[in-house]
N, C-alpha and C. Protein backbone atom coordinates (compact mmCIF):
# COMPACT_ATOMS: atom_id res chain seq x y z
N MET A 1 -30.18 15.64 16.59
CA MET A 1 -28.73 16.24 16.14
C MET A 1 -28.68 15.99 14.90
N ARG A 2 -28.49 17.01 13.62
CA ARG A 2 -27.89 16.56 12.29
C ARG A 2 -26.53 16.92 12.03
N ILE A 3 -25.87 15.87 11.66
CA ILE A 3 -24.25 15.97 11.37
C ILE A 3 -24.62 16.61 9.75
N ARG A 4 -23.85 17.71 9.66
CA ARG A 4 -23.56 18.17 8.53
C ARG A 4 -22.37 18.27 7.94
N GLU A 5 -20.88 18.01 8.44
CA GLU A 5 -19.97 17.84 8.16
C GLU A 5 -19.24 16.63 8.03
N PRO A 6 -18.58 16.31 7.12
CA PRO A 6 -17.88 14.85 7.49
C PRO A 6 -16.72 15.39 8.54
N GLY A 7 -16.46 14.07 9.15
CA GLY A 7 -15.52 14.31 10.58
C GLY A 7 -15.93 13.18 11.69
N LYS A 8 -14.98 13.70 12.24
CA LYS A 8 -15.37 12.66 13.83
C LYS A 8 -16.30 13.62 14.72
N VAL A 9 -17.48 12.81 15.30
CA VAL A 9 -18.72 13.04 15.75
C VAL A 9 -18.15 13.54 17.24
N CYS A 10 -17.76 12.35 17.58
CA CYS A 10 -17.01 12.00 19.28
C CYS A 10 -16.30 10.97 19.03
N GLU A 11 -15.32 10.57 20.30
CA GLU A 11 -14.22 9.46 20.20
C GLU A 11 -15.08 7.94 19.78
N ARG A 12 -14.31 7.77 18.44
CA ARG A 12 -14.79 6.66 17.99
C ARG A 12 -15.78 6.35 16.78
N ILE A 13 -16.31 7.54 16.16
CA ILE A 13 -17.28 7.78 15.66
C ILE A 13 -16.82 8.92 15.05
N TRP A 14 -17.34 8.39 13.64
CA TRP A 14 -17.16 9.23 12.38
C TRP A 14 -18.43 9.36 11.50
N PHE A 15 -18.85 10.75 10.75
CA PHE A 15 -19.74 10.94 9.98
C PHE A 15 -19.04 10.96 8.47
N LEU A 16 -19.06 10.16 7.47
CA LEU A 16 -18.40 10.11 6.22
C LEU A 16 -19.34 10.51 5.35
N GLY A 17 -19.12 11.30 4.01
CA GLY A 17 -19.96 11.20 2.88
C GLY A 17 -20.18 12.81 2.68
N ARG A 18 -21.40 13.22 2.69
CA ARG A 18 -22.35 14.41 2.86
C ARG A 18 -23.17 14.28 3.36
N GLU A 19 -23.65 15.84 3.49
CA GLU A 19 -24.77 16.08 4.45
C GLU A 19 -26.13 15.19 3.86
N GLU A 20 -26.60 15.29 2.77
CA GLU A 20 -27.47 14.64 2.48
C GLU A 20 -27.25 13.09 2.16
N SER A 21 -26.02 12.43 2.06
CA SER A 21 -26.17 11.04 2.46
C SER A 21 -24.90 10.89 3.04
N GLY A 22 -24.79 10.14 3.74
CA GLY A 22 -23.46 9.39 4.44
C GLY A 22 -23.66 8.56 5.26
N VAL A 23 -22.60 7.81 5.79
CA VAL A 23 -22.61 6.55 6.41
C VAL A 23 -21.86 7.14 8.01
N TYR A 24 -21.75 6.03 9.05
CA TYR A 24 -21.02 6.57 10.48
C TYR A 24 -20.51 5.19 10.35
N LEU A 25 -19.07 5.56 10.85
CA LEU A 25 -18.20 4.51 11.21
C LEU A 25 -17.85 4.22 12.48
N LEU A 26 -17.93 3.19 13.01
CA LEU A 26 -17.54 3.05 14.67
C LEU A 26 -16.78 2.20 14.77
N GLU A 27 -15.44 2.73 15.52
CA GLU A 27 -14.33 2.16 15.44
C GLU A 27 -14.31 1.58 17.06
N GLY A 28 -13.92 0.20 16.97
CA GLY A 28 -13.74 -0.65 18.06
C GLY A 28 -12.23 -0.68 18.41
N GLU A 29 -11.93 -1.66 19.32
CA GLU A 29 -10.38 -1.91 19.60
C GLU A 29 -9.79 -3.00 18.50
N ASN A 30 -10.78 -3.97 17.94
CA ASN A 30 -10.44 -4.93 17.33
C ASN A 30 -10.53 -4.68 15.62
N GLY A 31 -11.38 -3.50 15.86
CA GLY A 31 -11.92 -3.59 14.03
C GLY A 31 -13.18 -2.64 14.35
N SER A 32 -13.58 -2.48 12.99
CA SER A 32 -14.88 -1.23 12.71
C SER A 32 -15.61 -1.72 12.19
N MET A 33 -16.99 -0.94 12.11
CA MET A 33 -18.48 -1.36 11.53
C MET A 33 -18.68 -0.16 10.91
N MET A 34 -19.12 -0.02 9.96
CA MET A 34 -19.75 0.85 8.67
C MET A 34 -21.31 0.32 9.25
N VAL A 35 -22.11 1.64 9.06
CA VAL A 35 -23.35 1.45 9.83
C VAL A 35 -24.16 2.28 8.49
N SER A 36 -25.04 1.82 7.71
CA SER A 36 -25.72 2.24 6.37
C SER A 36 -24.88 2.08 5.46
N GLY A 37 -24.97 2.55 4.30
CA GLY A 37 -24.21 2.47 2.91
C GLY A 37 -24.89 3.91 1.83
N GLY A 38 -25.70 5.01 2.38
CA GLY A 38 -25.40 6.13 1.65
C GLY A 38 -25.92 5.87 0.37
N LEU A 39 -25.96 6.71 -0.64
CA LEU A 39 -26.23 7.02 -2.12
C LEU A 39 -24.60 6.50 -2.57
N SER A 40 -24.87 5.90 -3.74
CA SER A 40 -23.68 5.65 -4.67
C SER A 40 -22.48 6.36 -4.81
N TYR A 41 -23.10 7.68 -4.91
CA TYR A 41 -22.41 8.75 -5.65
C TYR A 41 -21.46 9.32 -4.56
N ILE A 42 -21.77 8.77 -3.37
CA ILE A 42 -20.58 9.01 -2.14
C ILE A 42 -19.29 8.88 -1.92
N LEU A 43 -19.30 7.49 -2.96
CA LEU A 43 -17.93 6.55 -2.59
C LEU A 43 -16.69 7.57 -2.77
N PRO A 44 -16.54 8.00 -4.18
CA PRO A 44 -15.43 8.94 -4.21
C PRO A 44 -14.95 9.54 -2.87
N GLU A 45 -15.86 10.60 -2.32
CA GLU A 45 -15.86 11.37 -1.44
C GLU A 45 -15.30 11.00 0.17
N VAL A 46 -15.94 9.46 0.11
CA VAL A 46 -15.78 8.61 1.32
C VAL A 46 -14.25 8.01 1.36
N LEU A 47 -13.95 7.46 0.26
CA LEU A 47 -12.71 7.39 0.12
C LEU A 47 -11.30 8.31 0.30
N GLU A 48 -11.85 9.59 -0.32
CA GLU A 48 -10.75 10.64 0.05
C GLU A 48 -10.78 10.91 1.90
N GLN A 49 -12.24 11.00 2.44
CA GLN A 49 -12.50 11.47 3.55
C GLN A 49 -11.86 10.21 4.55
N PHE A 50 -11.14 8.75 3.89
CA PHE A 50 -10.61 8.06 4.83
C PHE A 50 -9.14 8.35 4.83
N GLU A 51 -8.44 9.18 3.29
CA GLU A 51 -7.30 9.28 3.92
C GLU A 51 -7.21 10.49 4.44
N ARG A 52 -8.13 11.65 4.21
CA ARG A 52 -7.54 12.81 5.20
C ARG A 52 -7.68 12.35 6.37
N PHE A 53 -8.63 12.00 6.90
CA PHE A 53 -8.92 11.56 8.50
C PHE A 53 -8.14 10.20 9.04
N GLY A 54 -7.37 9.72 8.02
CA GLY A 54 -6.44 8.83 8.07
C GLY A 54 -7.28 7.50 8.84
N ILE A 55 -7.97 7.67 8.43
CA ILE A 55 -8.84 6.03 8.91
C ILE A 55 -8.53 4.97 7.99
N ASP A 56 -8.36 3.63 8.57
CA ASP A 56 -7.89 2.73 7.96
C ASP A 56 -8.99 1.81 7.30
N GLU A 57 -9.67 1.74 6.28
CA GLU A 57 -10.52 1.30 5.41
C GLU A 57 -10.24 -0.19 5.94
N ASN A 58 -8.86 -0.91 6.14
CA ASN A 58 -8.76 -2.45 6.14
C ASN A 58 -9.08 -2.97 7.58
N ARG A 59 -9.45 -1.91 8.41
CA ARG A 59 -10.58 -2.48 9.84
C ARG A 59 -11.84 -2.30 9.33
N ILE A 60 -12.18 -1.95 8.65
CA ILE A 60 -13.79 -2.71 8.56
C ILE A 60 -14.02 -3.78 8.37
N GLN A 61 -14.97 -4.32 9.62
CA GLN A 61 -15.38 -5.56 9.86
C GLN A 61 -16.63 -6.28 9.43
N LYS A 62 -17.07 -5.08 9.62
CA LYS A 62 -18.98 -5.38 9.66
C LYS A 62 -19.63 -4.29 9.10
N ILE A 63 -20.65 -4.64 8.40
CA ILE A 63 -21.28 -3.34 7.83
C ILE A 63 -23.01 -3.48 8.15
N LEU A 64 -23.35 -2.58 8.79
CA LEU A 64 -24.40 -2.92 9.48
C LEU A 64 -25.71 -2.17 8.26
N ILE A 65 -26.38 -2.99 7.81
CA ILE A 65 -27.47 -2.14 6.95
C ILE A 65 -28.88 -1.97 7.85
N LEU A 66 -29.20 -1.14 7.80
CA LEU A 66 -30.25 -0.84 8.14
C LEU A 66 -31.76 -1.55 7.49
N HIS A 67 -31.97 -0.99 6.51
CA HIS A 67 -33.00 -1.07 5.56
C HIS A 67 -32.49 -1.19 4.19
N SER A 68 -33.14 -1.75 3.33
CA SER A 68 -32.83 -1.77 1.74
C SER A 68 -33.40 -0.75 0.73
N HIS A 69 -33.95 0.39 1.48
CA HIS A 69 -33.39 1.50 0.49
C HIS A 69 -32.62 1.72 -0.23
N PHE A 70 -32.64 2.28 -1.40
CA PHE A 70 -31.52 2.48 -2.17
C PHE A 70 -30.45 3.33 -1.37
N ASP A 71 -31.03 4.53 -0.97
CA ASP A 71 -30.30 5.20 -0.19
C ASP A 71 -29.51 5.21 0.99
N HIS A 72 -29.65 3.53 1.07
CA HIS A 72 -28.88 2.99 2.65
C HIS A 72 -28.17 2.56 2.25
N VAL A 73 -27.61 1.93 0.82
CA VAL A 73 -27.10 0.51 0.50
C VAL A 73 -26.12 0.83 -0.49
N GLY A 74 -25.96 2.24 -1.02
CA GLY A 74 -25.54 2.67 -2.38
C GLY A 74 -23.75 2.15 -2.60
N ILE A 75 -23.13 2.13 -1.60
CA ILE A 75 -21.63 1.86 -1.35
C ILE A 75 -21.04 0.37 -1.12
N ILE A 76 -22.15 -0.34 -0.39
CA ILE A 76 -21.92 -1.66 0.50
C ILE A 76 -21.31 -2.45 -0.77
N PRO A 77 -21.81 -2.55 -2.27
CA PRO A 77 -20.87 -3.19 -3.13
C PRO A 77 -19.52 -3.11 -3.11
N PHE A 78 -19.54 -2.16 -2.98
CA PHE A 78 -17.89 -1.73 -3.21
C PHE A 78 -16.83 -2.05 -1.94
N PHE A 79 -17.52 -2.36 -1.12
CA PHE A 79 -16.71 -2.36 0.58
C PHE A 79 -17.22 -4.08 0.31
N LYS A 80 -18.02 -4.89 -0.02
CA LYS A 80 -18.35 -6.22 -0.22
C LYS A 80 -17.36 -6.65 -1.04
N ALA A 81 -16.95 -6.06 -2.30
CA ALA A 81 -16.65 -6.95 -3.32
C ALA A 81 -15.03 -6.58 -3.64
N SER A 82 -14.26 -6.28 -2.55
CA SER A 82 -12.93 -6.48 -2.13
C SER A 82 -12.51 -7.82 -2.03
N PRO A 83 -11.84 -8.17 -2.68
CA PRO A 83 -11.55 -9.68 -2.40
C PRO A 83 -10.39 -9.88 -1.20
N SER A 84 -9.89 -8.89 -0.77
CA SER A 84 -9.25 -9.03 0.28
C SER A 84 -9.65 -8.91 1.61
N LYS A 85 -10.66 -8.71 1.45
CA LYS A 85 -11.62 -8.41 2.94
C LYS A 85 -12.69 -9.48 2.96
N ASN A 86 -12.96 -9.92 4.43
CA ASN A 86 -14.10 -10.60 4.56
C ASN A 86 -14.90 -10.09 5.63
N ARG A 87 -15.72 -9.00 4.94
CA ARG A 87 -16.62 -8.30 5.78
C ARG A 87 -17.73 -8.83 6.03
N ASP A 88 -18.30 -9.18 7.17
CA ASP A 88 -19.64 -9.28 7.90
C ASP A 88 -21.19 -8.35 7.01
N LEU A 89 -22.05 -8.87 6.55
CA LEU A 89 -23.43 -7.98 6.28
C LEU A 89 -23.97 -8.45 7.72
N CYS A 90 -24.14 -7.03 8.28
CA CYS A 90 -25.04 -7.67 9.34
C CYS A 90 -26.83 -6.98 8.83
N LEU A 91 -27.88 -7.71 9.01
CA LEU A 91 -28.94 -7.34 8.51
C LEU A 91 -29.91 -7.82 9.12
N PRO A 92 -31.35 -6.99 9.23
CA PRO A 92 -32.53 -7.34 10.03
C PRO A 92 -32.87 -8.73 8.99
N LYS A 93 -33.42 -9.31 10.16
CA LYS A 93 -33.81 -10.74 9.52
C LYS A 93 -34.85 -10.99 8.28
N SER A 94 -35.46 -9.52 8.18
CA SER A 94 -36.22 -9.35 6.82
C SER A 94 -35.52 -9.27 5.62
N LEU A 95 -34.54 -8.95 5.67
CA LEU A 95 -33.69 -8.53 4.49
C LEU A 95 -32.72 -9.84 4.08
N GLY A 96 -32.49 -10.94 5.39
CA GLY A 96 -31.88 -12.16 4.62
C GLY A 96 -32.15 -12.63 3.45
N ASP A 97 -33.56 -12.34 3.02
CA ASP A 97 -33.67 -13.25 1.52
C ASP A 97 -33.54 -12.52 0.46
N PHE A 98 -33.08 -11.08 0.40
CA PHE A 98 -32.52 -10.54 -0.46
C PHE A 98 -30.93 -10.23 -0.53
N ALA A 99 -30.17 -11.02 0.18
CA ALA A 99 -28.86 -10.89 0.06
C ALA A 99 -28.18 -12.04 -0.16
N ASP A 100 -27.11 -11.93 -0.55
CA ASP A 100 -26.13 -13.10 -1.55
C ASP A 100 -26.25 -14.58 -1.28
N GLY A 101 -27.08 -14.83 -0.26
CA GLY A 101 -27.33 -16.48 0.26
C GLY A 101 -25.65 -17.12 1.24
N GLU A 102 -25.30 -16.08 1.60
CA GLU A 102 -24.12 -16.29 2.08
C GLU A 102 -24.62 -15.75 3.80
N SER A 103 -23.78 -16.52 4.79
CA SER A 103 -24.10 -16.60 6.18
C SER A 103 -24.30 -14.63 6.55
N HIS A 104 -25.15 -14.49 7.43
CA HIS A 104 -25.42 -13.44 7.73
C HIS A 104 -25.67 -12.94 9.30
N SER A 105 -25.15 -11.90 9.92
CA SER A 105 -24.99 -11.76 11.16
C SER A 105 -26.28 -11.49 11.96
N ASP A 106 -26.96 -11.92 12.62
CA ASP A 106 -28.24 -11.58 13.66
C ASP A 106 -27.96 -10.18 14.77
N HIS A 107 -26.84 -10.01 14.47
CA HIS A 107 -26.36 -8.85 15.41
C HIS A 107 -26.46 -7.62 14.85
C-alpha cells in the first residue's frame, strides 16, 4: 500500500510530506518518533501539516534513520538543530561512523 496524501494512516501513525517524499510519525503515550527524513524541500509542508493536523512537534523524541541516502535525511538537520530539543537519532550501526559523534541508540 502506497500512501499518496498526507494525513492519518491509522491510529497513532501519520504520513507527512508529499507523495514522492515523506516521513512517518509514530505517536506513543509519552512521545513520538519520526521515521526517515525525506528530501529537504518538504520541510515547509511538514511544518504546515503539523499545524493543520494538530501534531505537537515538541513530542518528537526520536528520529529513526533507515539509511543515509539524501532522500531519507533531508529534514533531519532541522529537527536535530533546535536548541530546545534533545532528540535521539536512531541509526543502524553501519551509519554510526557518519554521525555527529554523540551517543546514538541501537534500537
